[in-house]
Amino acid sequence: MSEGVHWFLPINPASHAEHMPADWRTREDATEVWEAIGRSQPIDRWCLRTGFRTMKSGDVIWAYLSKRQELCAVGRVRRTAFEVDGVEADPAEVRGDNEGGWYVYVDWDESRTAELCRYPIPRAVFGQVPMSVGRVGEALKAVLSRGLSSWPTKPQFCSG
């Protein structure tokens, strides 16, 4: 999963609080946290404020849980789309109050995401603090890709 551009997708679990387990901030395994987010919204569709002009189909995307400060899912960009009220539109043709927005559709790698949820990658491993959707640097991309190469066993960057 090392080829192509890698992106961070920051997700705030607190935005999905009504679906979260009571111990979502402290539990080691992020599986229930990821599943709760999926109950709160479509897990494969995310609003983009940045990156939508350069993000391409096939790019790698990493879900970063901001309050937990860890990576818990990985997948590939299926496509980006400009939508108004849930309907795809041409941004050049949109007029009036319906401004619309950009979205990324992600095909999450189920087996790798399950492993990442069991053994989330703490921010201490990659050092970057993703505040918005953004590219993963080349050095960090190499670290993350090395860890992925050990799947389906425990990733190399995990302790314990």
C-alpha atoms as a PDB file:
ATOM      1  CA  MET A   1       0.000   0.000   0.000  1.00  0.00           C
ATOM      2  CA  SER A   2       2.997   2.264  -0.361  1.00  0.00           C
ATOM      3  CA  GLU A   3       2.484   3.549  -3.909  1.00  0.00           C
ATOM      4  CA  GLY A   4       0.654   6.769  -4.618  1.00  0.00           C
ATOM      5  CA  VAL A   5      -0.043   9.728  -2.397  1.00  0.00           C
ATOM      6  CA  HIS A   6      -0.965   9.074   1.237  1.00  0.00           C
ATOM      7  CA  TRP A   7      -3.466  11.310   3.064  1.00  0.00           C
ATOM      8  CA  PHE A   8      -4.556  11.842   6.655  1.00  0.00           C
ATOM      9  CA  LEU A   9      -8.296  12.058   7.288  1.00  0.00           C
ATOM     10  CA  PRO A  10      -8.787  13.493  10.800  1.00  0.00           C
ATOM     11  CA  ILE A  11     -11.984  12.322  12.500  1.00  0.00           C
ATOM     12  CA  ASN A  12     -13.212  13.647  15.832  1.00  0.00           C
ATOM     13  CA  PRO A  13     -14.891  10.742  17.660  1.00  0.00           C
ATOM     14  CA  ALA A  14     -16.573  13.241  20.001  1.00  0.00           C
ATOM     15  CA  SER A  15     -18.656  14.367  17.017  1.00  0.00           C
ATOM     16  CA  HIS A  16     -20.263  10.923  17.113  1.00  0.00           C
ATOM     17  CA  ALA A  17     -20.658  10.769  20.914  1.00  0.00           C
ATOM     18  CA  GLU A  18     -24.199   9.399  20.952  1.00  0.00           C
ATOM     19  CA  HIS A  19     -22.914   6.162  19.393  1.00  0.00           C
ATOM     20  CA  MET A  20     -19.642   5.821  21.339  1.00  0.00           C
ATOM     21  CA  PRO A  21     -18.966   3.305  24.101  1.00  0.00           C
ATOM     22  CA  ALA A  22     -18.534   4.981  27.494  1.00  0.00           C
ATOM     23  CA  ASP A  23     -14.779   4.306  27.555  1.00  0.00           C
ATOM     24  CA  TRP A  24     -14.080   5.361  23.960  1.00  0.00           C
ATOM     25  CA  ARG A  25     -11.222   7.691  24.946  1.00  0.00           C
ATOM     26  CA  THR A  26      -9.249   5.120  26.947  1.00  0.00           C
ATOM     27  CA  ARG A  27      -9.910   1.674  25.506  1.00  0.00           C
ATOM     28  CA  GLU A  28      -6.881   0.136  23.789  1.00  0.00           C
ATOM     29  CA  ASP A  29      -8.824  -1.430  20.928  1.00  0.00           C
ATOM     30  CA  ALA A  30     -10.472   1.142  18.624  1.00  0.00           C
ATOM     31  CA  THR A  31     -12.845  -1.335  16.934  1.00  0.00           C
ATOM     32  CA  GLU A  32     -15.981  -0.186  18.768  1.00  0.00           C
ATOM     33  CA  VAL A  33     -14.994   3.448  18.234  1.00  0.00           C
ATOM     34  CA  TRP A  34     -14.667   2.910  14.455  1.00  0.00           C
ATOM     35  CA  GLU A  35     -17.945   0.970  14.354  1.00  0.00           C
ATOM     36  CA  ALA A  36     -19.704   3.745  16.311  1.00  0.00           C
ATOM     37  CA  ILE A  37     -18.549   6.301  13.755  1.00  0.00           C
ATOM     38  CA  GLY A  38     -20.011   4.059  11.049  1.00  0.00           C
ATOM     39  CA  ARG A  39     -23.365   4.050  12.850  1.00  0.00           C
ATOM     40  CA  SER A  40     -23.317   7.839  12.974  1.00  0.00           C
ATOM     41  CA  GLN A  41     -22.640   8.474   9.279  1.00  0.00           C
ATOM     42  CA  PRO A  42     -21.732   6.634   6.065  1.00  0.00           C
ATOM     43  CA  ILE A  43     -18.212   5.399   6.823  1.00  0.00           C
ATOM     44  CA  ASP A  44     -17.181   5.576   3.172  1.00  0.00           C
ATOM     45  CA  ARG A  45     -18.196   9.241   2.526  1.00  0.00           C
ATOM     46  CA  TRP A  46     -16.353  12.184   4.105  1.00  0.00           C
ATOM     47  CA  CYS A  47     -16.622  15.939   3.626  1.00  0.00           C
ATOM     48  CA  LEU A  48     -13.442  17.622   2.375  1.00  0.00           C
ATOM     49  CA  ARG A  49     -12.398  21.191   3.031  1.00  0.00           C
ATOM     50  CA  THR A  50      -8.879  20.670   1.648  1.00  0.00           C
ATOM     51  CA  GLY A  51      -7.160  18.231  -0.686  1.00  0.00           C
ATOM     52  CA  PHE A  52     -10.079  17.765  -3.059  1.00  0.00           C
ATOM     53  CA  ARG A  53      -8.255  19.272  -6.051  1.00  0.00           C
ATOM     54  CA  THR A  54      -5.267  16.930  -5.814  1.00  0.00           C
ATOM     55  CA  MET A  55      -6.704  13.794  -4.198  1.00  0.00           C
ATOM     56  CA  LYS A  56      -6.988  11.030  -6.791  1.00  0.00           C
ATOM     57  CA  SER A  57      -8.633   7.661  -7.085  1.00  0.00           C
ATOM     58  CA  GLY A  58      -6.244   5.024  -5.731  1.00  0.00           C
ATOM     59  CA  ASP A  59      -4.504   7.316  -3.237  1.00  0.00           C
ATOM     60  CA  VAL A  60      -4.074   5.857   0.254  1.00  0.00           C
ATOM     61  CA  ILE A  61      -6.052   7.443   3.088  1.00  0.00           C
ATOM     62  CA  TRP A  62      -5.443   6.997   6.832  1.00  0.00           C
ATOM     63  CA  ALA A  63      -8.203   7.676   9.384  1.00  0.00           C
ATOM     64  CA  TYR A  64      -6.792   9.617  12.336  1.00  0.00           C
ATOM     65  CA  LEU A  65      -8.910   9.708  15.507  1.00  0.00           C
ATOM     66  CA  SER A  66      -8.144  13.177  16.800  1.00  0.00           C
ATOM     67  CA  LYS A  67      -9.199  12.831  20.450  1.00  0.00           C
ATOM     68  CA  ARG A  68      -7.442   9.476  20.745  1.00  0.00           C
ATOM     69  CA  GLN A  69      -4.463  10.680  18.668  1.00  0.00           C
ATOM     70  CA  GLU A  70      -4.015   7.510  16.646  1.00  0.00           C
ATOM     71  CA  LEU A  71      -4.517   5.958  13.228  1.00  0.00           C
ATOM     72  CA  CYS A  72      -7.243   3.321  13.180  1.00  0.00           C
ATOM     73  CA  ALA A  73      -8.146   2.676   9.527  1.00  0.00           C
ATOM     74  CA  VAL A  74      -6.603   2.654   6.071  1.00  0.00           C
ATOM     75  CA  GLY A  75      -8.110   2.477   2.627  1.00  0.00           C
ATOM     76  CA  ARG A  76      -8.004   3.839  -0.890  1.00  0.00           C
ATOM     77  CA  VAL A  77      -9.743   6.823  -2.388  1.00  0.00           C
ATOM     78  CA  ARG A  78     -12.511   5.579  -4.665  1.00  0.00           C
ATOM     79  CA  ARG A  79     -13.319   9.062  -5.968  1.00  0.00           C
ATOM     80  CA  THR A  80     -13.942  12.660  -5.005  1.00  0.00           C
ATOM     81  CA  ALA A  81     -17.170  14.430  -5.902  1.00  0.00           C
ATOM     82  CA  PHE A  82     -18.768  17.837  -5.596  1.00  0.00           C
ATOM     83  CA  GLU A  83     -22.303  17.501  -4.242  1.00  0.00           C
ATOM     84  CA  VAL A  84     -25.251  19.750  -3.508  1.00  0.00           C
ATOM     85  CA  ASP A  85     -27.813  18.259  -1.106  1.00  0.00           C
ATOM     86  CA  GLY A  86     -26.353  14.775  -1.644  1.00  0.00           C
ATOM     87  CA  VAL A  87     -26.491  14.977  -5.448  1.00  0.00           C
ATOM     88  CA  GLU A  88     -23.354  15.170  -7.552  1.00  0.00           C
ATOM     89  CA  ALA A  89     -23.060  18.486  -9.396  1.00  0.00           C
ATOM     90  CA  ASP A  90     -20.656  20.504 -11.509  1.00  0.00           C
ATOM     91  CA  PRO A  91     -19.211  23.160  -9.155  1.00  0.00           C
ATOM     92  CA  ALA A  92     -19.011  25.653 -12.034  1.00  0.00           C
ATOM     93  CA  GLU A  93     -22.781  25.430 -12.541  1.00  0.00           C
ATOM     94  CA  VAL A  94     -23.885  25.814  -8.914  1.00  0.00           C
ATOM     95  CA  ARG A  95     -25.641  29.114  -8.235  1.00  0.00           C
ATOM     96  CA  GLY A  96     -27.536  30.608  -5.324  1.00  0.00           C
ATOM     97  CA  ASP A  97     -27.722  29.480  -1.709  1.00  0.00           C
ATOM     98  CA  ASN A  98     -26.895  25.829  -2.389  1.00  0.00           C
ATOM     99  CA  GLU A  99     -23.146  26.062  -2.181  1.00  0.00           C
ATOM    100  CA  GLY A 100     -22.520  22.340  -1.942  1.00  0.00           C
ATOM    101  CA  GLY A 101     -19.274  20.723  -0.905  1.00  0.00           C
ATOM    102  CA  TRP A 102     -16.555  18.278  -1.829  1.00  0.00           C
ATOM    103  CA  TYR A 103     -16.575  14.674  -0.608  1.00  0.00           C
ATOM    104  CA  VAL A 104     -14.181  11.776  -0.721  1.00  0.00           C
ATOM    105  CA  TYR A 105     -15.460   8.233  -1.101  1.00  0.00           C
ATOM    106  CA  VAL A 106     -13.169   5.658   0.493  1.00  0.00           C
ATOM    107  CA  ASP A 107     -12.881   1.909   0.042  1.00  0.00           C
ATOM    108  CA  TRP A 108     -11.577   0.910   3.471  1.00  0.00           C
ATOM    109  CA  ASP A 109      -9.264  -2.102   3.548  1.00  0.00           C
ATOM    110  CA  GLU A 110     -11.320  -4.272   5.891  1.00  0.00           C
ATOM    111  CA  SER A 111      -8.584  -6.641   7.058  1.00  0.00           C
ATOM    112  CA  ARG A 112      -5.962  -3.924   7.564  1.00  0.00           C
ATOM    113  CA  THR A 113      -8.491  -1.628   9.212  1.00  0.00           C
ATOM    114  CA  ALA A 114      -9.523  -4.429  11.577  1.00  0.00           C
ATOM    115  CA  GLU A 115      -5.852  -4.902  12.481  1.00  0.00           C
ATOM    116  CA  LEU A 116      -5.333  -1.158  12.912  1.00  0.00           C
ATOM    117  CA  CYS A 117      -8.383  -0.973  15.163  1.00  0.00           C
ATOM    118  CA  ARG A 118      -6.950  -3.760  17.332  1.00  0.00           C
ATOM    119  CA  TYR A 119      -3.514  -2.119  17.350  1.00  0.00           C
ATOM    120  CA  PRO A 120      -3.974   1.610  16.554  1.00  0.00           C
ATOM    121  CA  ILE A 121      -0.827   3.504  15.574  1.00  0.00           C
ATOM    122  CA  PRO A 122      -0.229   6.174  18.228  1.00  0.00           C
ATOM    123  CA  ARG A 123       0.760   9.679  17.162  1.00  0.00           C
ATOM    124  CA  ALA A 124       4.111   9.166  18.915  1.00  0.00           C
ATOM    125  CA  VAL A 125       5.059   6.776  16.085  1.00  0.00           C
ATOM    126  CA  PHE A 126       4.424   9.250  13.278  1.00  0.00           C
ATOM    127  CA  GLY A 127       4.796  12.576  15.087  1.00  0.00           C
ATOM    128  CA  GLN A 128       2.534  14.592  12.816  1.00  0.00           C
ATOM    129  CA  VAL A 129      -0.657  16.146  14.212  1.00  0.00           C
ATOM    130  CA  PRO A 130      -3.180  16.144  11.365  1.00  0.00           C
ATOM    131  CA  MET A 131      -5.522  19.095  11.921  1.00  0.00           C
ATOM    132  CA  SER A 132      -7.174  18.813   8.510  1.00  0.00           C
ATOM    133  CA  VAL A 133      -7.038  16.525   5.505  1.00  0.00           C
ATOM    134  CA  GLY A 134      -3.466  16.637   4.281  1.00  0.00           C
ATOM    135  CA  ARG A 135      -0.696  14.689   2.654  1.00  0.00           C
ATOM    136  CA  VAL A 136       1.496  12.327   4.606  1.00  0.00           C
ATOM    137  CA  GLY A 137       5.181  13.226   4.188  1.00  0.00           C
ATOM    138  CA  GLU A 138       7.519  10.844   2.344  1.00  0.00           C
ATOM    139  CA  ALA A 139       9.488   9.798   5.452  1.00  0.00           C
ATOM    140  CA  LEU A 140       6.313   9.059   7.375  1.00  0.00           C
ATOM    141  CA  LYS A 141       4.811   7.283   4.363  1.00  0.00           C
ATOM    142  CA  ALA A 142       7.783   4.886   4.454  1.00  0.00           C
ATOM    143  CA  VAL A 143       7.286   4.227   8.197  1.00  0.00           C
ATOM    144  CA  LEU A 144       3.576   3.523   7.764  1.00  0.00           C
ATOM    145  CA  SER A 145       4.146   1.324   4.716  1.00  0.00           C
ATOM    146  CA  ARG A 146       6.808  -0.714   6.551  1.00  0.00           C
ATOM    147  CA  GLY A 147       4.331  -1.360   9.325  1.00  0.00           C
ATOM    148  CA  LEU A 148       1.687  -2.455   6.854  1.00  0.00           C
ATOM    149  CA  SER A 149       4.026  -4.968   5.235  1.00  0.00           C
ATOM    150  CA  SER A 150       3.802  -7.210   8.317  1.00  0.00           C
ATOM    151  CA  TRP A 151       0.046  -7.751   8.082  1.00  0.00           C
ATOM    152  CA  PRO A 152      -1.832 -10.037   8.720  1.00  0.00           C
ATOM    153  CA  THR A 153       0.322 -10.405  11.832  1.00  0.00           C
ATOM    154  CA  LYS A 154       0.712  -7.615  14.398  1.00  0.00           C
ATOM    155  CA  PRO A 155       2.073  -4.507  12.656  1.00  0.00           C
ATOM    156  CA  GLN A 156       5.769  -3.826  13.252  1.00  0.00           C
ATOM    157  CA  PHE A 157       5.130  -0.370  14.687  1.00  0.00           C
ATOM    158  CA  CYS A 158       2.909  -1.651  17.500  1.00  0.00           C
ATOM    159  CA  SER A 159       4.143  -2.260  20.994  1.00  0.00           C
ATOM    160  CA  GLY A 160       3.056  -5.151  23.153  1.00  0.00           C
END
